[in-house]
């Protein structure tokens, strides 16, 4: 379980790599970026960037898709 990080603190180097290693398998198992962000106390964008930097394949947005009827 990821720890809550102090808001506004920089997470760099080994600490950022370790956080990515903790979050990547959870995201791959189906947890959302929003859920991970809420649990760690960081923003959606921060979690998104950490996962992207770690090379984690990100899922599509899902939801309603627009198609022509017919």
PDB file of N, CA and C in Angstrom:
ATOM      1  N   UNK A   1       0.852  -1.182   0.000  1.00  0.00           N
ATOM      2  CA  UNK A   1       0.000   0.000   0.000  1.00  0.00           C
ATOM      3  C   UNK A   1       0.895   1.242   0.000  1.00  0.00           C
ATOM      4  N   UNK A   2       0.614   2.128  -0.911  1.00  0.00           N
ATOM      5  CA  UNK A   2       1.434   3.341  -1.039  1.00  0.00           C
ATOM      6  C   UNK A   2       1.201   4.259   0.153  1.00  0.00           C
ATOM      7  N   UNK A   3       2.249   4.929   0.533  1.00  0.00           N
ATOM      8  CA  UNK A   3       2.137   5.843   1.665  1.00  0.00           C
ATOM      9  C   UNK A   3       1.622   7.202   1.185  1.00  0.00           C
ATOM     10  N   UNK A   4       1.027   7.933   2.085  1.00  0.00           N
ATOM     11  CA  UNK A   4       0.595   9.294   1.770  1.00  0.00           C
ATOM     12  C   UNK A   4       1.821  10.185   1.787  1.00  0.00           C
ATOM     13  N   UNK A   5       1.982  10.955   0.741  1.00  0.00           N
ATOM     14  CA  UNK A   5       3.139  11.838   0.613  1.00  0.00           C
ATOM     15  C   UNK A   5       2.756  13.241   1.031  1.00  0.00           C
ATOM     16  N   UNK A   6       3.696  13.946   1.636  1.00  0.00           N
ATOM     17  CA  UNK A   6       3.432  15.320   2.050  1.00  0.00           C
ATOM     18  C   UNK A   6       3.159  16.173   0.823  1.00  0.00           C
ATOM     19  N   UNK A   7       2.112  16.942   0.893  1.00  0.00           N
ATOM     20  CA  UNK A   7       1.700  17.765  -0.234  1.00  0.00           C
ATOM     21  C   UNK A   7       2.762  18.832  -0.520  1.00  0.00           C
ATOM     22  N   UNK A   8       3.111  18.959  -1.792  1.00  0.00           N
ATOM     23  CA  UNK A   8       4.058  19.987  -2.193  1.00  0.00           C
ATOM     24  C   UNK A   8       5.524  19.597  -2.108  1.00  0.00           C
ATOM     25  N   UNK A   9       5.820  18.419  -1.565  1.00  0.00           N
ATOM     26  CA  UNK A   9       7.216  17.993  -1.495  1.00  0.00           C
ATOM     27  C   UNK A   9       7.639  17.402  -2.828  1.00  0.00           C
ATOM     28  N   UNK A  10       8.887  17.591  -3.169  1.00  0.00           N
ATOM     29  CA  UNK A  10       9.409  17.040  -4.419  1.00  0.00           C
ATOM     30  C   UNK A  10       9.732  15.562  -4.216  1.00  0.00           C
ATOM     31  N   UNK A  11       9.372  14.774  -5.207  1.00  0.00           N
ATOM     32  CA  UNK A  11       9.672  13.349  -5.175  1.00  0.00           C
ATOM     33  C   UNK A  11      10.567  13.088  -6.385  1.00  0.00           C
ATOM     34  N   UNK A  12      11.851  12.848  -6.131  1.00  0.00           N
ATOM     35  CA  UNK A  12      12.817  12.682  -7.209  1.00  0.00           C
ATOM     36  C   UNK A  12      13.702  11.473  -6.959  1.00  0.00           C
ATOM     37  N   UNK A  13      14.453  11.118  -7.958  1.00  0.00           N
ATOM     38  CA  UNK A  13      15.472  10.083  -7.830  1.00  0.00           C
ATOM     39  C   UNK A  13      14.938   8.737  -7.414  1.00  0.00           C
ATOM     40  N   UNK A  14      15.614   8.139  -6.445  1.00  0.00           N
ATOM     41  CA  UNK A  14      15.278   6.791  -5.993  1.00  0.00           C
ATOM     42  C   UNK A  14      13.881   6.730  -5.392  1.00  0.00           C
ATOM     43  N   UNK A  15      13.473   7.785  -4.709  1.00  0.00           N
ATOM     44  CA  UNK A  15      12.149   7.802  -4.096  1.00  0.00           C
ATOM     45  C   UNK A  15      11.053   7.761  -5.171  1.00  0.00           C
ATOM     46  N   UNK A  16      11.268   8.482  -6.263  1.00  0.00           N
ATOM     47  CA  UNK A  16      10.294   8.502  -7.365  1.00  0.00           C
ATOM     48  C   UNK A  16      10.254   7.132  -8.053  1.00  0.00           C
ATOM     49  N   UNK A  17      11.420   6.524  -8.226  1.00  0.00           N
ATOM     50  CA  UNK A  17      11.505   5.194  -8.830  1.00  0.00           C
ATOM     51  C   UNK A  17      10.798   4.163  -7.959  1.00  0.00           C
ATOM     52  N   UNK A  18      10.988   4.266  -6.658  1.00  0.00           N
ATOM     53  CA  UNK A  18      10.344   3.339  -5.723  1.00  0.00           C
ATOM     54  C   UNK A  18       8.830   3.523  -5.748  1.00  0.00           C
ATOM     55  N   UNK A  19       8.372   4.770  -5.791  1.00  0.00           N
ATOM     56  CA  UNK A  19       6.940   5.040  -5.853  1.00  0.00           C
ATOM     57  C   UNK A  19       6.345   4.451  -7.125  1.00  0.00           C
ATOM     58  N   UNK A  20       7.033   4.618  -8.244  1.00  0.00           N
ATOM     59  CA  UNK A  20       6.567   4.049  -9.513  1.00  0.00           C
ATOM     60  C   UNK A  20       6.481   2.534  -9.417  1.00  0.00           C
ATOM     61  N   UNK A  21       7.464   1.913  -8.764  1.00  0.00           N
ATOM     62  CA  UNK A  21       7.469   0.457  -8.607  1.00  0.00           C
ATOM     63  C   UNK A  21       6.305  -0.015  -7.744  1.00  0.00           C
ATOM     64  N   UNK A  22       5.870   0.804  -6.793  1.00  0.00           N
ATOM     65  CA  UNK A  22       4.730   0.457  -5.945  1.00  0.00           C
ATOM     66  C   UNK A  22       3.402   0.649  -6.680  1.00  0.00           C
ATOM     67  N   UNK A  23       3.310   1.716  -7.474  1.00  0.00           N
ATOM     68  CA  UNK A  23       2.046   2.060  -8.110  1.00  0.00           C
ATOM     69  C   UNK A  23       1.795   1.305  -9.414  1.00  0.00           C
ATOM     70  N   UNK A  24       2.840   0.992 -10.164  1.00  0.00           N
ATOM     71  CA  UNK A  24       2.686   0.360 -11.475  1.00  0.00           C
ATOM     72  C   UNK A  24       1.894  -0.954 -11.427  1.00  0.00           C
ATOM     73  N   UNK A  25       2.215  -1.888 -10.528  1.00  0.00           N
ATOM     74  CA  UNK A  25       1.447  -3.137 -10.519  1.00  0.00           C
ATOM     75  C   UNK A  25      -0.017  -2.930 -10.105  1.00  0.00           C
ATOM     76  N   UNK A  26      -0.253  -1.952  -9.258  1.00  0.00           N
ATOM     77  CA  UNK A  26      -1.630  -1.678  -8.827  1.00  0.00           C
ATOM     78  C   UNK A  26      -2.438  -1.107  -9.978  1.00  0.00           C
ATOM     79  N   UNK A  27      -1.807  -0.211 -10.764  1.00  0.00           N
ATOM     80  CA  UNK A  27      -2.485   0.354 -11.926  1.00  0.00           C
ATOM     81  C   UNK A  27      -2.734  -0.748 -12.954  1.00  0.00           C
ATOM     82  N   UNK A  28      -1.738  -1.612 -13.168  1.00  0.00           N
ATOM     83  CA  UNK A  28      -1.865  -2.714 -14.122  1.00  0.00           C
ATOM     84  C   UNK A  28      -2.960  -3.691 -13.693  1.00  0.00           C
ATOM     85  N   UNK A  29      -3.186  -3.794 -12.381  1.00  0.00           N
ATOM     86  CA  UNK A  29      -4.221  -4.699 -11.865  1.00  0.00           C
ATOM     87  C   UNK A  29      -5.620  -4.101 -11.956  1.00  0.00           C
ATOM     88  N   UNK A  30      -5.710  -2.825 -12.361  1.00  0.00           N
ATOM     89  CA  UNK A  30      -7.024  -2.241 -12.586  1.00  0.00           C
ATOM     90  C   UNK A  30      -7.375  -1.019 -11.768  1.00  0.00           C
ATOM     91  N   UNK A  31      -6.548  -0.638 -10.808  1.00  0.00           N
ATOM     92  CA  UNK A  31      -6.854   0.577 -10.043  1.00  0.00           C
ATOM     93  C   UNK A  31      -6.711   1.793 -10.950  1.00  0.00           C
ATOM     94  N   UNK A  32      -7.504   2.810 -10.690  1.00  0.00           N
ATOM     95  CA  UNK A  32      -7.453   4.005 -11.522  1.00  0.00           C
ATOM     96  C   UNK A  32      -6.397   4.981 -11.020  1.00  0.00           C
ATOM     97  N   UNK A  33      -5.993   5.872 -11.915  1.00  0.00           N
ATOM     98  CA  UNK A  33      -5.040   6.915 -11.535  1.00  0.00           C
ATOM     99  C   UNK A  33      -5.664   7.781 -10.447  1.00  0.00           C
ATOM    100  N   UNK A  34      -6.948   8.064 -10.562  1.00  0.00           N
ATOM    101  CA  UNK A  34      -7.628   8.880  -9.548  1.00  0.00           C
ATOM    102  C   UNK A  34      -7.596   8.216  -8.173  1.00  0.00           C
ATOM    103  N   UNK A  35      -7.809   6.910  -8.124  1.00  0.00           N
ATOM    104  CA  UNK A  35      -7.751   6.195  -6.844  1.00  0.00           C
ATOM    105  C   UNK A  35      -6.349   6.251  -6.248  1.00  0.00           C
ATOM    106  N   UNK A  36      -5.345   6.044  -7.093  1.00  0.00           N
ATOM    107  CA  UNK A  36      -3.959   6.089  -6.617  1.00  0.00           C
ATOM    108  C   UNK A  36      -3.603   7.490  -6.135  1.00  0.00           C
ATOM    109  N   UNK A  37      -4.078   8.501  -6.843  1.00  0.00           N
ATOM    110  CA  UNK A  37      -3.809   9.887  -6.450  1.00  0.00           C
ATOM    111  C   UNK A  37      -4.449  10.204  -5.105  1.00  0.00           C
ATOM    112  N   UNK A  38      -5.690   9.777  -4.919  1.00  0.00           N
ATOM    113  CA  UNK A  38      -6.389  10.047  -3.659  1.00  0.00           C
ATOM    114  C   UNK A  38      -5.680   9.369  -2.488  1.00  0.00           C
ATOM    115  N   UNK A  39      -5.217   8.153  -2.703  1.00  0.00           N
ATOM    116  CA  UNK A  39      -4.580   7.413  -1.617  1.00  0.00           C
ATOM    117  C   UNK A  39      -3.216   7.988  -1.242  1.00  0.00           C
ATOM    118  N   UNK A  40      -2.468   8.468  -2.239  1.00  0.00           N
ATOM    119  CA  UNK A  40      -1.131   8.991  -1.957  1.00  0.00           C
ATOM    120  C   UNK A  40      -1.143  10.465  -1.583  1.00  0.00           C
ATOM    121  N   UNK A  41      -2.269  11.139  -1.821  1.00  0.00           N
ATOM    122  CA  UNK A  41      -2.348  12.554  -1.505  1.00  0.00           C
ATOM    123  C   UNK A  41      -1.706  13.435  -2.563  1.00  0.00           C
ATOM    124  N   UNK A  42      -1.455  12.882  -3.737  1.00  0.00           N
ATOM    125  CA  UNK A  42      -0.869  13.636  -4.836  1.00  0.00           C
ATOM    126  C   UNK A  42      -1.917  13.870  -5.914  1.00  0.00           C
ATOM    127  N   UNK A  43      -1.567  14.687  -6.902  1.00  0.00           N
ATOM    128  CA  UNK A  43      -2.527  15.009  -7.958  1.00  0.00           C
ATOM    129  C   UNK A  43      -2.584  13.904  -9.015  1.00  0.00           C
ATOM    130  N   UNK A  44      -3.663  13.962  -9.791  1.00  0.00           N
ATOM    131  CA  UNK A  44      -3.834  13.046 -10.921  1.00  0.00           C
ATOM    132  C   UNK A  44      -2.636  13.177 -11.860  1.00  0.00           C
ATOM    133  N   UNK A  45      -2.254  14.417 -12.181  1.00  0.00           N
ATOM    134  CA  UNK A  45      -1.155  14.666 -13.108  1.00  0.00           C
ATOM    135  C   UNK A  45       0.168  14.113 -12.618  1.00  0.00           C
ATOM    136  N   UNK A  46       0.410  14.210 -11.320  1.00  0.00           N
ATOM    137  CA  UNK A  46       1.646  13.682 -10.750  1.00  0.00           C
ATOM    138  C   UNK A  46       1.710  12.171 -10.935  1.00  0.00           C
ATOM    139  N   UNK A  47       0.630  11.482 -10.580  1.00  0.00           N
ATOM    140  CA  UNK A  47       0.593  10.019 -10.704  1.00  0.00           C
ATOM    141  C   UNK A  47       0.713   9.613 -12.170  1.00  0.00           C
ATOM    142  N   UNK A  48       0.002  10.324 -13.046  1.00  0.00           N
ATOM    143  CA  UNK A  48       0.061  10.064 -14.479  1.00  0.00           C
ATOM    144  C   UNK A  48       1.508  10.153 -14.967  1.00  0.00           C
ATOM    145  N   UNK A  49       2.197  11.219 -14.583  1.00  0.00           N
ATOM    146  CA  UNK A  49       3.579  11.414 -15.029  1.00  0.00           C
ATOM    147  C   UNK A  49       4.525  10.359 -14.464  1.00  0.00           C
ATOM    148  N   UNK A  50       4.346   9.980 -13.213  1.00  0.00           N
ATOM    149  CA  UNK A  50       5.191   8.938 -12.615  1.00  0.00           C
ATOM    150  C   UNK A  50       5.013   7.622 -13.370  1.00  0.00           C
ATOM    151  N   UNK A  51       3.772   7.260 -13.668  1.00  0.00           N
ATOM    152  CA  UNK A  51       3.512   6.017 -14.398  1.00  0.00           C
ATOM    153  C   UNK A  51       4.069   6.095 -15.816  1.00  0.00           C
ATOM    154  N   UNK A  52       3.875   7.226 -16.470  1.00  0.00           N
ATOM    155  CA  UNK A  52       4.358   7.407 -17.838  1.00  0.00           C
ATOM    156  C   UNK A  52       5.884   7.331 -17.887  1.00  0.00           C
ATOM    157  N   UNK A  53       6.557   7.985 -16.946  1.00  0.00           N
ATOM    158  CA  UNK A  53       8.021   7.952 -16.884  1.00  0.00           C
ATOM    159  C   UNK A  53       8.547   6.541 -16.641  1.00  0.00           C
ATOM    160  N   UNK A  54       7.762   5.731 -15.933  1.00  0.00           N
ATOM    161  CA  UNK A  54       8.172   4.363 -15.623  1.00  0.00           C
ATOM    162  C   UNK A  54       7.902   3.410 -16.786  1.00  0.00           C
ATOM    163  N   UNK A  55       7.284   3.932 -17.859  1.00  0.00           N
ATOM    164  CA  UNK A  55       7.019   3.097 -19.027  1.00  0.00           C
ATOM    165  C   UNK A  55       5.802   2.207 -18.889  1.00  0.00           C
ATOM    166  N   UNK A  56       4.918   2.549 -17.970  1.00  0.00           N
ATOM    167  CA  UNK A  56       3.701   1.755 -17.765  1.00  0.00           C
ATOM    168  C   UNK A  56       2.726   2.051 -18.901  1.00  0.00           C
ATOM    169  N   UNK A  57       2.201   1.015 -19.574  1.00  0.00           N
ATOM    170  CA  UNK A  57       1.208   1.267 -20.623  1.00  0.00           C
ATOM    171  C   UNK A  57      -0.086   1.781 -19.996  1.00  0.00           C
ATOM    172  N   UNK A  58      -0.506   2.966 -20.403  1.00  0.00           N
ATOM    173  CA  UNK A  58      -1.691   3.586 -19.818  1.00  0.00           C
ATOM    174  C   UNK A  58      -2.941   3.182 -20.591  1.00  0.00           C
ATOM    175  N   UNK A  59      -4.013   2.969 -19.858  1.00  0.00           N
ATOM    176  CA  UNK A  59      -5.290   2.592 -20.466  1.00  0.00           C
ATOM    177  C   UNK A  59      -5.936   3.810 -21.112  1.00  0.00           C
ATOM    178  N   UNK A  60      -6.849   3.531 -22.040  1.00  0.00           N
ATOM    179  CA  UNK A  60      -7.631   4.593 -22.653  1.00  0.00           C
ATOM    180  C   UNK A  60      -8.618   5.156 -21.646  1.00  0.00           C
ATOM    181  N   UNK A  61      -9.219   6.266 -21.995  1.00  0.00           N
ATOM    182  CA  UNK A  61     -10.125   6.931 -21.071  1.00  0.00           C
ATOM    183  C   UNK A  61     -11.425   6.172 -20.866  1.00  0.00           C
ATOM    184  N   UNK A  62     -11.829   5.379 -21.843  1.00  0.00           N
ATOM    185  CA  UNK A  62     -13.076   4.632 -21.701  1.00  0.00           C
ATOM    186  C   UNK A  62     -14.274   5.539 -21.811  1.00  0.00           C
ATOM    187  N   UNK A  63     -15.372   5.119 -21.252  1.00  0.00           N
ATOM    188  CA  UNK A  63     -16.566   5.949 -21.288  1.00  0.00           C
ATOM    189  C   UNK A  63     -17.254   5.896 -22.639  1.00  0.00           C
ATOM    190  N   UNK A  64     -18.105   6.855 -22.876  1.00  0.00           N
ATOM    191  CA  UNK A  64     -18.892   6.912 -24.082  1.00  0.00           C
ATOM    192  C   UNK A  64     -18.021   7.250 -25.291  1.00  0.00           C
ATOM    193  N   UNK A  65     -18.181   6.491 -26.339  1.00  0.00           N
ATOM    194  CA  UNK A  65     -17.482   6.798 -27.585  1.00  0.00           C
ATOM    195  C   UNK A  65     -18.512   7.226 -28.616  1.00  0.00           C
ATOM    196  N   UNK A  66     -18.135   8.130 -29.469  1.00  0.00           N
ATOM    197  CA  UNK A  66     -19.067   8.653 -30.453  1.00  0.00           C
ATOM    198  C   UNK A  66     -18.929   7.873 -31.753  1.00  0.00           C
ATOM    199  N   UNK A  67     -20.021   7.268 -32.161  1.00  0.00           N
ATOM    200  CA  UNK A  67     -20.054   6.544 -33.421  1.00  0.00           C
ATOM    201  C   UNK A  67     -21.323   6.903 -34.139  1.00  0.00           C
ATOM    202  N   UNK A  68     -21.247   6.845 -35.458  1.00  0.00           N
ATOM    203  CA  UNK A  68     -22.455   7.070 -36.236  1.00  0.00           C
ATOM    204  C   UNK A  68     -23.369   5.881 -36.087  1.00  0.00           C
ATOM    205  N   UNK A  69     -24.623   6.154 -35.957  1.00  0.00           N
ATOM    206  CA  UNK A  69     -25.606   5.069 -35.880  1.00  0.00           C
ATOM    207  C   UNK A  69     -25.876   4.569 -37.278  1.00  0.00           C
ATOM    208  N   UNK A  70     -26.059   3.285 -37.360  1.00  0.00           N
ATOM    209  CA  UNK A  70     -26.429   2.818 -38.693  1.00  0.00           C
ATOM    210  C   UNK A  70     -25.991   1.508 -39.025  1.00  0.00           C
TER     211      UNK A  70
END
